[in-house]
Amino acid sequence: MTSILTDREDLQIQSGSPSTRLTVAHLEQVQAILSEAHLDYQLELVDGKIIVMGPSDLVSSEIGAEFGRLLLNWVKPRKLGRVFESSGGFILPNSDLRTPDVSFVLAARLKQSKRYFAELVPDLVVEIKSQCDRLKPLRSKILSFIELGAQVGILIDPDKHTVTIYSPTAEPIVLRDGDTISIPELLPGWEVPVAELWPIEFE
């Protein structure tokens, strides 16, 4: 049996027994149940708990689409690797299953996509703060990816118009409007002005 607990904006599905950790197999069972009920929720598995993710607001969703587009436009013609949006799931070495808002994997590490979750740590992970998100859990999520082997993590905060870049070997770098995003250790030559990420206003 499983129970559903509310935790602010998300739901956590935990095993009825405190000593039992849920697995990817349990997550797939929950997905199947939700699918049969015509419910389309995004799930993550974190520390033996299944997290039902809330939907993003339009601003953070648009930023995710724009970041992914800018990244894909650079990566795909050069055959550098693969770019995934927020539904792409990664089974990590600690048995968690996480879904970054945007992620990138070098071509040499994933020569062909498969009809399943990727069993590896992405080289780049991007998280975008939604209206109801708290920054601390987003930082923790990015740092957990870094600890497990990601080369770069990026946290985008639309409220403060900041982009924070995390890496295993340096202090976080905070960029603002007027600055340029670059990841020379992973994508030499790729540059994006921070100001280009924010949604435009139509007249």
N, C-alpha and C. Protein backbone atom coordinates (compact mmCIF):
# COMPACT_ATOMS: atom_id res chain seq x y z
N MET A 1 0.84 -1.19 0.00
CA MET A 1 0.00 0.00 0.00
C MET A 1 0.88 1.25 0.00
N THR A 2 0.38 2.30 -0.61
CA THR A 2 1.06 3.58 -0.57
C THR A 2 0.12 4.63 -0.05
N SER A 3 0.70 5.66 0.53
CA SER A 3 -0.11 6.78 0.98
C SER A 3 0.37 8.03 0.27
N ILE A 4 -0.52 9.00 0.12
CA ILE A 4 -0.19 10.24 -0.55
C ILE A 4 -0.18 11.35 0.48
N LEU A 5 0.95 12.07 0.55
CA LEU A 5 1.11 13.14 1.51
C LEU A 5 1.32 14.45 0.76
N THR A 6 0.68 15.52 1.21
CA THR A 6 0.89 16.81 0.56
C THR A 6 2.12 17.47 1.15
N ASP A 7 2.94 18.08 0.30
CA ASP A 7 4.14 18.79 0.73
C ASP A 7 4.25 20.07 -0.10
N ARG A 8 3.54 21.11 0.34
CA ARG A 8 3.47 22.37 -0.39
C ARG A 8 2.93 22.13 -1.78
N GLU A 9 3.75 22.49 -2.82
CA GLU A 9 3.22 22.44 -4.17
C GLU A 9 3.20 21.04 -4.76
N ASP A 10 3.90 20.08 -4.16
CA ASP A 10 3.99 18.74 -4.72
C ASP A 10 3.34 17.72 -3.80
N LEU A 11 3.13 16.52 -4.33
CA LEU A 11 2.66 15.40 -3.53
C LEU A 11 3.80 14.41 -3.40
N GLN A 12 3.91 13.79 -2.23
CA GLN A 12 4.88 12.72 -2.04
C GLN A 12 4.11 11.43 -1.82
N ILE A 13 4.49 10.39 -2.57
CA ILE A 13 3.88 9.07 -2.40
C ILE A 13 4.90 8.20 -1.71
N GLN A 14 4.58 7.77 -0.49
CA GLN A 14 5.52 7.01 0.30
C GLN A 14 5.00 5.60 0.56
N SER A 15 5.92 4.70 0.81
CA SER A 15 5.55 3.34 1.19
C SER A 15 4.87 3.37 2.55
N GLY A 16 3.91 2.47 2.75
CA GLY A 16 3.24 2.39 4.03
C GLY A 16 4.18 1.96 5.14
N SER A 17 5.26 1.26 4.82
CA SER A 17 6.24 0.83 5.80
C SER A 17 7.41 1.79 5.83
N PRO A 18 7.77 2.33 7.00
CA PRO A 18 8.87 3.29 7.08
C PRO A 18 10.20 2.71 6.60
N SER A 19 10.36 1.38 6.68
CA SER A 19 11.64 0.77 6.33
C SER A 19 11.75 0.44 4.84
N THR A 20 10.67 0.62 4.08
CA THR A 20 10.66 0.27 2.67
C THR A 20 10.85 1.50 1.81
N ARG A 21 11.87 1.45 0.94
CA ARG A 21 12.12 2.53 0.00
C ARG A 21 11.48 2.19 -1.34
N LEU A 22 10.77 3.14 -1.90
CA LEU A 22 10.19 2.93 -3.22
C LEU A 22 11.29 2.96 -4.27
N THR A 23 11.03 2.30 -5.39
CA THR A 23 12.02 2.16 -6.46
C THR A 23 11.44 2.67 -7.77
N VAL A 24 12.26 2.63 -8.82
CA VAL A 24 11.80 3.01 -10.14
C VAL A 24 10.64 2.11 -10.58
N ALA A 25 10.70 0.83 -10.19
CA ALA A 25 9.60 -0.09 -10.54
C ALA A 25 8.29 0.38 -9.91
N HIS A 26 8.34 0.86 -8.65
CA HIS A 26 7.13 1.41 -8.03
C HIS A 26 6.65 2.64 -8.79
N LEU A 27 7.58 3.49 -9.18
CA LEU A 27 7.21 4.69 -9.92
C LEU A 27 6.51 4.33 -11.22
N GLU A 28 7.01 3.32 -11.91
CA GLU A 28 6.39 2.89 -13.16
C GLU A 28 4.98 2.34 -12.90
N GLN A 29 4.78 1.67 -11.77
CA GLN A 29 3.44 1.19 -11.42
C GLN A 29 2.49 2.36 -11.19
N VAL A 30 2.98 3.39 -10.50
CA VAL A 30 2.15 4.58 -10.26
C VAL A 30 1.83 5.26 -11.58
N GLN A 31 2.82 5.36 -12.47
CA GLN A 31 2.59 5.95 -13.78
C GLN A 31 1.49 5.20 -14.53
N ALA A 32 1.53 3.87 -14.46
CA ALA A 32 0.53 3.07 -15.16
C ALA A 32 -0.87 3.32 -14.60
N ILE A 33 -0.97 3.43 -13.27
CA ILE A 33 -2.26 3.69 -12.62
C ILE A 33 -2.79 5.06 -13.05
N LEU A 34 -1.91 6.06 -13.04
CA LEU A 34 -2.32 7.41 -13.44
C LEU A 34 -2.73 7.44 -14.90
N SER A 35 -1.99 6.72 -15.73
CA SER A 35 -2.30 6.68 -17.16
C SER A 35 -3.67 6.06 -17.41
N GLU A 36 -3.98 4.98 -16.68
CA GLU A 36 -5.29 4.33 -16.83
C GLU A 36 -6.41 5.27 -16.42
N ALA A 37 -6.11 6.17 -15.49
CA ALA A 37 -7.12 7.14 -15.04
C ALA A 37 -7.10 8.41 -15.88
N HIS A 38 -6.31 8.37 -16.98
CA HIS A 38 -6.19 9.52 -17.89
C HIS A 38 -5.65 10.75 -17.16
N LEU A 39 -4.71 10.51 -16.24
CA LEU A 39 -4.05 11.60 -15.51
C LEU A 39 -2.59 11.64 -15.94
N ASP A 40 -2.14 12.80 -16.36
CA ASP A 40 -0.78 12.94 -16.88
C ASP A 40 0.03 13.81 -15.94
N TYR A 41 0.68 13.16 -14.97
CA TYR A 41 1.51 13.87 -14.01
C TYR A 41 2.97 13.51 -14.23
N GLN A 42 3.85 14.46 -13.92
CA GLN A 42 5.28 14.18 -13.97
C GLN A 42 5.75 13.72 -12.60
N LEU A 43 6.47 12.61 -12.57
CA LEU A 43 6.91 12.01 -11.31
C LEU A 43 8.42 12.01 -11.21
N GLU A 44 8.92 12.13 -9.99
CA GLU A 44 10.33 11.93 -9.69
C GLU A 44 10.44 10.98 -8.51
N LEU A 45 11.56 10.28 -8.43
CA LEU A 45 11.85 9.41 -7.30
C LEU A 45 13.06 9.98 -6.57
N VAL A 46 12.85 10.38 -5.31
CA VAL A 46 13.91 11.03 -4.54
C VAL A 46 13.95 10.40 -3.15
N ASP A 47 15.10 9.81 -2.80
CA ASP A 47 15.29 9.21 -1.48
C ASP A 47 14.18 8.22 -1.13
N GLY A 48 13.78 7.43 -2.11
CA GLY A 48 12.77 6.41 -1.85
C GLY A 48 11.35 6.93 -1.78
N LYS A 49 11.12 8.18 -2.16
CA LYS A 49 9.78 8.76 -2.20
C LYS A 49 9.45 9.17 -3.62
N ILE A 50 8.21 8.97 -4.03
CA ILE A 50 7.76 9.41 -5.34
C ILE A 50 7.15 10.80 -5.20
N ILE A 51 7.68 11.74 -5.96
CA ILE A 51 7.22 13.11 -5.92
C ILE A 51 6.38 13.38 -7.16
N VAL A 52 5.16 13.86 -6.96
CA VAL A 52 4.30 14.27 -8.06
C VAL A 52 4.52 15.76 -8.28
N MET A 53 5.10 16.10 -9.41
CA MET A 53 5.49 17.48 -9.66
C MET A 53 4.30 18.31 -10.11
N GLY A 54 4.22 19.53 -9.58
CA GLY A 54 3.19 20.46 -10.01
C GLY A 54 3.54 21.07 -11.35
N PRO A 55 2.55 21.57 -12.10
CA PRO A 55 2.84 22.19 -13.40
C PRO A 55 3.59 23.51 -13.24
N SER A 56 4.33 23.88 -14.27
CA SER A 56 5.06 25.15 -14.26
C SER A 56 4.13 26.29 -14.65
N ASP A 57 4.46 27.49 -14.19
CA ASP A 57 3.74 28.67 -14.67
C ASP A 57 4.21 28.98 -16.09
N LEU A 58 3.51 29.87 -16.77
CA LEU A 58 3.81 30.14 -18.18
C LEU A 58 5.18 30.77 -18.38
N VAL A 59 5.59 31.65 -17.47
CA VAL A 59 6.88 32.32 -17.63
C VAL A 59 8.02 31.31 -17.56
N SER A 60 8.02 30.46 -16.53
CA SER A 60 9.11 29.49 -16.40
C SER A 60 9.07 28.46 -17.53
N SER A 61 7.87 28.10 -18.00
CA SER A 61 7.75 27.18 -19.11
C SER A 61 8.32 27.79 -20.38
N GLU A 62 8.02 29.07 -20.62
CA GLU A 62 8.53 29.73 -21.81
C GLU A 62 10.05 29.88 -21.77
N ILE A 63 10.57 30.17 -20.58
CA ILE A 63 12.03 30.27 -20.43
C ILE A 63 12.69 28.92 -20.70
N GLY A 64 12.09 27.85 -20.20
CA GLY A 64 12.63 26.52 -20.45
C GLY A 64 12.65 26.18 -21.93
N ALA A 65 11.56 26.53 -22.63
CA ALA A 65 11.50 26.28 -24.07
C ALA A 65 12.55 27.10 -24.81
N GLU A 66 12.73 28.35 -24.40
CA GLU A 66 13.70 29.23 -25.06
C GLU A 66 15.14 28.76 -24.80
N PHE A 67 15.44 28.40 -23.55
CA PHE A 67 16.78 27.92 -23.24
C PHE A 67 17.08 26.64 -24.03
N GLY A 68 16.11 25.73 -24.05
CA GLY A 68 16.29 24.50 -24.79
C GLY A 68 16.49 24.75 -26.28
N ARG A 69 15.74 25.71 -26.83
CA ARG A 69 15.88 26.04 -28.26
C ARG A 69 17.27 26.59 -28.55
N LEU A 70 17.72 27.55 -27.73
CA LEU A 70 19.04 28.14 -27.95
C LEU A 70 20.15 27.10 -27.83
N LEU A 71 19.99 26.19 -26.88
CA LEU A 71 20.98 25.14 -26.71
C LEU A 71 20.95 24.16 -27.88
N LEU A 72 19.76 23.74 -28.27
CA LEU A 72 19.63 22.77 -29.37
C LEU A 72 20.12 23.34 -30.68
N ASN A 73 19.88 24.63 -30.92
CA ASN A 73 20.34 25.26 -32.16
C ASN A 73 21.86 25.23 -32.29
N TRP A 74 22.55 25.19 -31.16
CA TRP A 74 24.02 25.12 -31.18
C TRP A 74 24.49 23.66 -31.24
N VAL A 75 23.85 22.82 -30.47
CA VAL A 75 24.30 21.44 -30.29
C VAL A 75 24.02 20.56 -31.50
N LYS A 76 22.80 20.64 -32.04
CA LYS A 76 22.39 19.67 -33.06
C LYS A 76 23.20 19.77 -34.36
N PRO A 77 23.40 20.96 -34.93
CA PRO A 77 24.18 21.01 -36.18
C PRO A 77 25.60 20.51 -36.01
N ARG A 78 26.15 20.62 -34.81
CA ARG A 78 27.53 20.20 -34.54
C ARG A 78 27.61 18.76 -34.03
N LYS A 79 26.44 18.15 -33.84
CA LYS A 79 26.36 16.76 -33.35
C LYS A 79 27.14 16.59 -32.04
N LEU A 80 26.92 17.55 -31.13
CA LEU A 80 27.66 17.54 -29.86
C LEU A 80 27.01 16.65 -28.81
N GLY A 81 25.73 16.39 -28.96
CA GLY A 81 25.03 15.60 -27.95
C GLY A 81 23.53 15.75 -28.07
N ARG A 82 22.84 15.51 -26.97
CA ARG A 82 21.37 15.50 -26.96
C ARG A 82 20.83 16.46 -25.91
N VAL A 83 19.77 17.17 -26.28
CA VAL A 83 19.10 18.12 -25.39
C VAL A 83 17.72 17.55 -25.05
N PHE A 84 17.38 17.60 -23.76
CA PHE A 84 16.09 17.07 -23.30
C PHE A 84 15.31 18.15 -22.55
N GLU A 85 13.98 18.09 -22.69
CA GLU A 85 13.15 19.03 -21.93
C GLU A 85 12.71 18.38 -20.63
N SER A 86 11.74 18.99 -19.97
CA SER A 86 11.46 18.65 -18.57
C SER A 86 10.86 17.26 -18.35
N SER A 87 10.47 16.57 -19.41
CA SER A 87 9.92 15.22 -19.23
C SER A 87 10.99 14.13 -19.28
N GLY A 88 12.21 14.50 -19.65
CA GLY A 88 13.27 13.50 -19.78
C GLY A 88 13.77 13.03 -18.42
N GLY A 89 13.63 11.73 -18.15
CA GLY A 89 13.99 11.18 -16.84
C GLY A 89 15.35 10.52 -16.83
N PHE A 90 16.08 10.70 -15.72
CA PHE A 90 17.41 10.12 -15.57
C PHE A 90 17.47 9.29 -14.28
N ILE A 91 17.82 8.01 -14.43
CA ILE A 91 18.07 7.17 -13.27
C ILE A 91 19.51 7.39 -12.85
N LEU A 92 19.71 7.90 -11.64
CA LEU A 92 21.02 8.32 -11.18
C LEU A 92 21.72 7.21 -10.39
N PRO A 93 23.02 7.32 -10.16
CA PRO A 93 23.75 6.28 -9.43
C PRO A 93 23.22 6.02 -8.03
N ASN A 94 22.54 7.01 -7.41
CA ASN A 94 21.98 6.80 -6.08
C ASN A 94 20.57 6.22 -6.12
N SER A 95 20.13 5.79 -7.31
CA SER A 95 18.81 5.16 -7.54
C SER A 95 17.66 6.16 -7.61
N ASP A 96 17.94 7.46 -7.47
CA ASP A 96 16.90 8.45 -7.69
C ASP A 96 16.56 8.52 -9.18
N LEU A 97 15.35 8.97 -9.49
CA LEU A 97 14.98 9.28 -10.86
C LEU A 97 14.56 10.75 -10.89
N ARG A 98 15.35 11.58 -11.58
CA ARG A 98 15.11 13.02 -11.58
C ARG A 98 14.86 13.52 -13.00
N THR A 99 14.14 14.63 -13.09
CA THR A 99 13.81 15.23 -14.39
C THR A 99 14.15 16.72 -14.36
N PRO A 100 15.34 17.10 -14.82
CA PRO A 100 15.67 18.53 -14.89
C PRO A 100 14.74 19.25 -15.87
N ASP A 101 14.62 20.57 -15.72
CA ASP A 101 13.80 21.34 -16.66
C ASP A 101 14.39 21.30 -18.06
N VAL A 102 15.71 21.40 -18.16
CA VAL A 102 16.44 21.21 -19.42
C VAL A 102 17.70 20.44 -19.07
N SER A 103 18.13 19.55 -19.96
CA SER A 103 19.36 18.81 -19.72
C SER A 103 20.08 18.54 -21.03
N PHE A 104 21.37 18.28 -20.91
CA PHE A 104 22.21 18.01 -22.07
C PHE A 104 23.16 16.87 -21.73
N VAL A 105 23.31 15.94 -22.70
CA VAL A 105 24.24 14.82 -22.55
C VAL A 105 25.15 14.79 -23.77
N LEU A 106 26.45 14.70 -23.53
CA LEU A 106 27.41 14.64 -24.62
C LEU A 106 27.18 13.42 -25.51
N ALA A 107 27.45 13.59 -26.80
CA ALA A 107 27.18 12.53 -27.78
C ALA A 107 27.90 11.23 -27.43
N ALA A 108 29.14 11.34 -26.97
CA ALA A 108 29.92 10.13 -26.68
C ALA A 108 29.32 9.31 -25.55
N ARG A 109 28.50 9.94 -24.69
CA ARG A 109 27.92 9.25 -23.54
C ARG A 109 26.53 8.69 -23.83
N LEU A 110 25.90 9.15 -24.90
CA LEU A 110 24.56 8.66 -25.24
C LEU A 110 24.43 8.68 -26.77
N LYS A 111 25.00 7.65 -27.40
CA LYS A 111 25.05 7.63 -28.86
C LYS A 111 23.69 7.39 -29.49
N GLN A 112 22.76 6.83 -28.71
CA GLN A 112 21.42 6.60 -29.22
C GLN A 112 20.43 6.69 -28.07
N SER A 113 19.35 7.44 -28.27
CA SER A 113 18.29 7.49 -27.26
C SER A 113 17.49 6.20 -27.29
N LYS A 114 16.92 5.84 -26.14
CA LYS A 114 16.13 4.63 -26.08
C LYS A 114 14.77 4.93 -25.46
N ARG A 115 13.86 3.99 -25.60
CA ARG A 115 12.50 4.15 -25.09
C ARG A 115 12.44 3.83 -23.61
N TYR A 116 13.28 4.51 -22.84
CA TYR A 116 13.30 4.31 -21.40
C TYR A 116 14.02 5.50 -20.79
N PHE A 117 14.10 5.51 -19.48
CA PHE A 117 14.87 6.56 -18.82
C PHE A 117 16.36 6.37 -19.12
N ALA A 118 17.08 7.48 -19.12
CA ALA A 118 18.54 7.38 -19.29
C ALA A 118 19.16 6.98 -17.96
N GLU A 119 20.03 5.99 -17.98
CA GLU A 119 20.68 5.53 -16.75
C GLU A 119 22.07 6.15 -16.65
N LEU A 120 22.07 7.46 -16.47
CA LEU A 120 23.31 8.21 -16.37
C LEU A 120 23.01 9.60 -15.80
N VAL A 121 24.08 10.33 -15.49
CA VAL A 121 23.96 11.70 -14.99
C VAL A 121 24.16 12.65 -16.16
N PRO A 122 23.24 13.58 -16.43
CA PRO A 122 23.46 14.52 -17.53
C PRO A 122 24.72 15.36 -17.30
N ASP A 123 25.31 15.81 -18.40
CA ASP A 123 26.48 16.69 -18.28
C ASP A 123 26.07 18.10 -17.87
N LEU A 124 24.90 18.53 -18.29
CA LEU A 124 24.36 19.85 -17.93
C LEU A 124 22.93 19.68 -17.45
N VAL A 125 22.60 20.31 -16.31
CA VAL A 125 21.22 20.33 -15.83
C VAL A 125 20.80 21.78 -15.60
N VAL A 126 19.56 22.08 -15.95
CA VAL A 126 19.02 23.43 -15.79
C VAL A 126 17.71 23.34 -15.01
N GLU A 127 17.59 24.16 -13.98
CA GLU A 127 16.35 24.28 -13.23
C GLU A 127 15.86 25.72 -13.33
N ILE A 128 14.56 25.89 -13.51
CA ILE A 128 13.95 27.21 -13.66
C ILE A 128 12.93 27.39 -12.55
N LYS A 129 13.09 28.44 -11.77
CA LYS A 129 12.20 28.68 -10.64
C LYS A 129 10.80 29.04 -11.13
N SER A 130 9.83 28.22 -10.72
CA SER A 130 8.43 28.54 -10.97
C SER A 130 7.92 29.48 -9.88
N GLN A 131 6.74 29.99 -10.10
CA GLN A 131 6.16 30.96 -9.16
C GLN A 131 6.06 30.40 -7.75
N CYS A 132 5.73 29.10 -7.63
CA CYS A 132 5.52 28.50 -6.31
C CYS A 132 6.75 27.78 -5.78
N ASP A 133 7.84 27.78 -6.54
CA ASP A 133 9.04 27.08 -6.10
C ASP A 133 9.78 27.86 -5.02
N ARG A 134 10.51 27.12 -4.18
CA ARG A 134 11.48 27.72 -3.26
C ARG A 134 12.87 27.48 -3.82
N LEU A 135 13.76 28.44 -3.64
CA LEU A 135 15.08 28.35 -4.23
C LEU A 135 15.93 27.25 -3.59
N LYS A 136 15.80 27.05 -2.28
CA LYS A 136 16.67 26.10 -1.59
C LYS A 136 16.54 24.68 -2.16
N PRO A 137 15.32 24.14 -2.36
CA PRO A 137 15.23 22.80 -2.95
C PRO A 137 15.79 22.73 -4.37
N LEU A 138 15.65 23.81 -5.13
CA LEU A 138 16.19 23.82 -6.48
C LEU A 138 17.72 23.79 -6.46
N ARG A 139 18.31 24.57 -5.54
CA ARG A 139 19.78 24.54 -5.38
C ARG A 139 20.23 23.13 -4.98
N SER A 140 19.51 22.54 -4.03
CA SER A 140 19.87 21.20 -3.56
C SER A 140 19.79 20.18 -4.69
N LYS A 141 18.78 20.30 -5.54
CA LYS A 141 18.63 19.39 -6.66
C LYS A 141 19.81 19.52 -7.62
N ILE A 142 20.18 20.77 -7.94
CA ILE A 142 21.31 20.99 -8.84
C ILE A 142 22.60 20.47 -8.23
N LEU A 143 22.82 20.75 -6.95
CA LEU A 143 24.05 20.30 -6.29
C LEU A 143 24.13 18.78 -6.20
N SER A 144 22.98 18.13 -6.07
CA SER A 144 23.00 16.66 -6.05
C SER A 144 23.43 16.11 -7.40
N PHE A 145 22.99 16.75 -8.49
CA PHE A 145 23.45 16.35 -9.82
C PHE A 145 24.96 16.57 -9.94
N ILE A 146 25.45 17.71 -9.44
CA ILE A 146 26.88 18.01 -9.51
C ILE A 146 27.68 16.96 -8.73
N GLU A 147 27.21 16.62 -7.53
CA GLU A 147 27.91 15.63 -6.71
C GLU A 147 27.96 14.26 -7.38
N LEU A 148 26.95 13.96 -8.19
CA LEU A 148 26.88 12.66 -8.85
C LEU A 148 27.61 12.64 -10.20
N GLY A 149 28.11 13.81 -10.64
CA GLY A 149 28.91 13.80 -11.86
C GLY A 149 28.57 14.79 -12.94
N ALA A 150 27.50 15.59 -12.77
CA ALA A 150 27.20 16.61 -13.77
C ALA A 150 28.33 17.65 -13.82
N GLN A 151 28.65 18.10 -15.02
CA GLN A 151 29.73 19.07 -15.16
C GLN A 151 29.28 20.49 -14.83
N VAL A 152 28.02 20.81 -15.15
CA VAL A 152 27.52 22.17 -14.95
C VAL A 152 26.05 22.09 -14.54
N GLY A 153 25.65 22.97 -13.62
CA GLY A 153 24.25 23.15 -13.26
C GLY A 153 23.90 24.61 -13.38
N ILE A 154 22.70 24.90 -13.85
CA ILE A 154 22.26 26.28 -14.02
C ILE A 154 20.92 26.46 -13.34
N LEU A 155 20.81 27.49 -12.52
CA LEU A 155 19.55 27.85 -11.86
C LEU A 155 19.10 29.21 -12.38
N ILE A 156 17.92 29.23 -13.00
CA ILE A 156 17.37 30.46 -13.57
C ILE A 156 16.24 30.95 -12.67
N ASP A 157 16.35 32.20 -12.24
CA ASP A 157 15.35 32.81 -11.37
C ASP A 157 14.69 33.97 -12.12
N PRO A 158 13.50 33.75 -12.70
CA PRO A 158 12.82 34.83 -13.45
C PRO A 158 12.42 36.01 -12.57
N ASP A 159 12.20 35.77 -11.28
CA ASP A 159 11.77 36.85 -10.39
C ASP A 159 12.88 37.88 -10.20
N LYS A 160 14.11 37.42 -10.09
CA LYS A 160 15.25 38.32 -9.87
C LYS A 160 16.07 38.56 -11.14
N HIS A 161 15.64 37.93 -12.23
CA HIS A 161 16.38 38.04 -13.50
C HIS A 161 17.85 37.65 -13.31
N THR A 162 18.07 36.51 -12.64
CA THR A 162 19.43 36.02 -12.42
C THR A 162 19.59 34.61 -12.99
N VAL A 163 20.81 34.30 -13.36
CA VAL A 163 21.20 32.97 -13.80
C VAL A 163 22.43 32.59 -13.00
N THR A 164 22.33 31.53 -12.20
CA THR A 164 23.46 31.09 -11.37
C THR A 164 24.03 29.81 -11.95
N ILE A 165 25.35 29.82 -12.18
CA ILE A 165 26.04 28.68 -12.78
C ILE A 165 26.85 27.96 -11.70
N TYR A 166 26.62 26.66 -11.58
CA TYR A 166 27.31 25.82 -10.60
C TYR A 166 28.23 24.85 -11.33
N SER A 167 29.39 24.58 -10.72
CA SER A 167 30.30 23.57 -11.25
C SER A 167 31.01 22.90 -10.09
N PRO A 168 31.63 21.74 -10.33
CA PRO A 168 32.28 21.02 -9.22
C PRO A 168 33.53 21.71 -8.69
N THR A 169 34.14 22.59 -9.48
CA THR A 169 35.46 23.10 -9.13
C THR A 169 35.50 24.59 -8.82
N ALA A 170 34.36 25.28 -8.83
CA ALA A 170 34.38 26.72 -8.62
C ALA A 170 33.16 27.16 -7.82
N GLU A 171 33.25 28.34 -7.23
CA GLU A 171 32.11 28.93 -6.54
C GLU A 171 31.02 29.28 -7.56
N PRO A 172 29.75 29.28 -7.14
CA PRO A 172 28.68 29.65 -8.07
C PRO A 172 28.89 31.05 -8.63
N ILE A 173 28.56 31.21 -9.91
CA ILE A 173 28.66 32.49 -10.59
C ILE A 173 27.26 33.00 -10.86
N VAL A 174 26.95 34.21 -10.41
CA VAL A 174 25.63 34.81 -10.60
C VAL A 174 25.70 35.81 -11.75
N LEU A 175 24.87 35.58 -12.77
CA LEU A 175 24.80 36.46 -13.93
C LEU A 175 23.47 37.21 -13.92
N ARG A 176 23.51 38.42 -14.47
CA ARG A 176 22.31 39.28 -14.53
C ARG A 176 22.15 39.84 -15.93
N ASP A 177 21.07 40.58 -16.15
CA ASP A 177 20.88 41.23 -17.44
C ASP A 177 22.12 42.05 -17.78
N GLY A 178 22.57 41.94 -19.00
CA GLY A 178 23.81 42.58 -19.41
C GLY A 178 24.98 41.61 -19.43
N ASP A 179 24.85 40.48 -18.70
CA ASP A 179 25.88 39.44 -18.71
C ASP A 179 25.56 38.40 -19.80
N THR A 180 26.53 37.54 -20.06
CA THR A 180 26.38 36.50 -21.09
C THR A 180 26.65 35.13 -20.47
N ILE A 181 25.77 34.19 -20.77
CA ILE A 181 25.95 32.80 -20.31
C ILE A 181 26.93 32.10 -21.25
N SER A 182 27.93 31.44 -20.69
CA SER A 182 28.83 30.61 -21.47
C SER A 182 29.26 29.42 -20.62
N ILE A 183 29.53 28.30 -21.29
CA ILE A 183 29.96 27.08 -20.61
C ILE A 183 31.17 26.54 -21.36
N PRO A 184 32.31 27.22 -21.27
CA PRO A 184 33.46 26.84 -22.09
C PRO A 184 33.98 25.43 -21.82
N GLU A 185 33.81 24.94 -20.59
CA GLU A 185 34.31 23.60 -20.27
C GLU A 185 33.46 22.50 -20.89
N LEU A 186 32.26 22.83 -21.32
CA LEU A 186 31.34 21.83 -21.87
C LEU A 186 30.95 22.14 -23.31
N LEU A 187 30.67 23.42 -23.58
CA LEU A 187 30.23 23.85 -24.92
C LEU A 187 31.04 25.06 -25.35
N PRO A 188 32.29 24.87 -25.74
CA PRO A 188 33.13 26.00 -26.15
C PRO A 188 32.49 26.77 -27.31
N GLY A 189 32.44 28.09 -27.16
CA GLY A 189 31.89 28.94 -28.22
C GLY A 189 30.43 29.29 -28.06
N TRP A 190 29.69 28.52 -27.26
CA TRP A 190 28.26 28.81 -27.08
C TRP A 190 28.09 29.96 -26.11
N GLU A 191 27.37 31.00 -26.52
CA GLU A 191 27.12 32.15 -25.65
C GLU A 191 25.69 32.63 -25.83
N VAL A 192 25.05 32.99 -24.73
CA VAL A 192 23.67 33.48 -24.76
C VAL A 192 23.55 34.65 -23.79
N PRO A 193 23.14 35.83 -24.26
CA PRO A 193 22.88 36.93 -23.34
C PRO A 193 21.76 36.57 -22.37
N VAL A 194 21.96 36.87 -21.11
CA VAL A 194 20.93 36.56 -20.10
C VAL A 194 19.60 37.20 -20.48
N ALA A 195 19.63 38.40 -20.99
CA ALA A 195 18.40 39.14 -21.30
C ALA A 195 17.55 38.43 -22.36
N GLU A 196 18.17 37.56 -23.17
CA GLU A 196 17.40 36.85 -24.21
C GLU A 196 16.49 35.77 -23.64
N LEU A 197 16.69 35.39 -22.39
CA LEU A 197 15.90 34.31 -21.81
C LEU A 197 14.49 34.74 -21.42
N TRP A 198 14.32 36.02 -21.11
CA TRP A 198 13.05 36.46 -20.53
C TRP A 198 11.99 36.63 -21.60
N PRO A 199 10.74 36.25 -21.33
CA PRO A 199 9.66 36.39 -22.32
C PRO A 199 9.46 37.84 -22.74
N ILE A 200 9.23 38.02 -24.03
CA ILE A 200 9.00 39.36 -24.54
C ILE A 200 7.54 39.76 -24.34
N GLU A 201 7.27 41.05 -24.40
CA GLU A 201 5.90 41.56 -24.33
C GLU A 201 5.49 42.03 -25.71
N PHE A 202 4.35 41.56 -26.16
CA PHE A 202 3.83 41.99 -27.47
C PHE A 202 3.03 43.28 -27.32
N GLU A 203 3.16 44.14 -28.29
CA GLU A 203 2.41 45.41 -28.24
C GLU A 203 1.00 45.20 -28.74
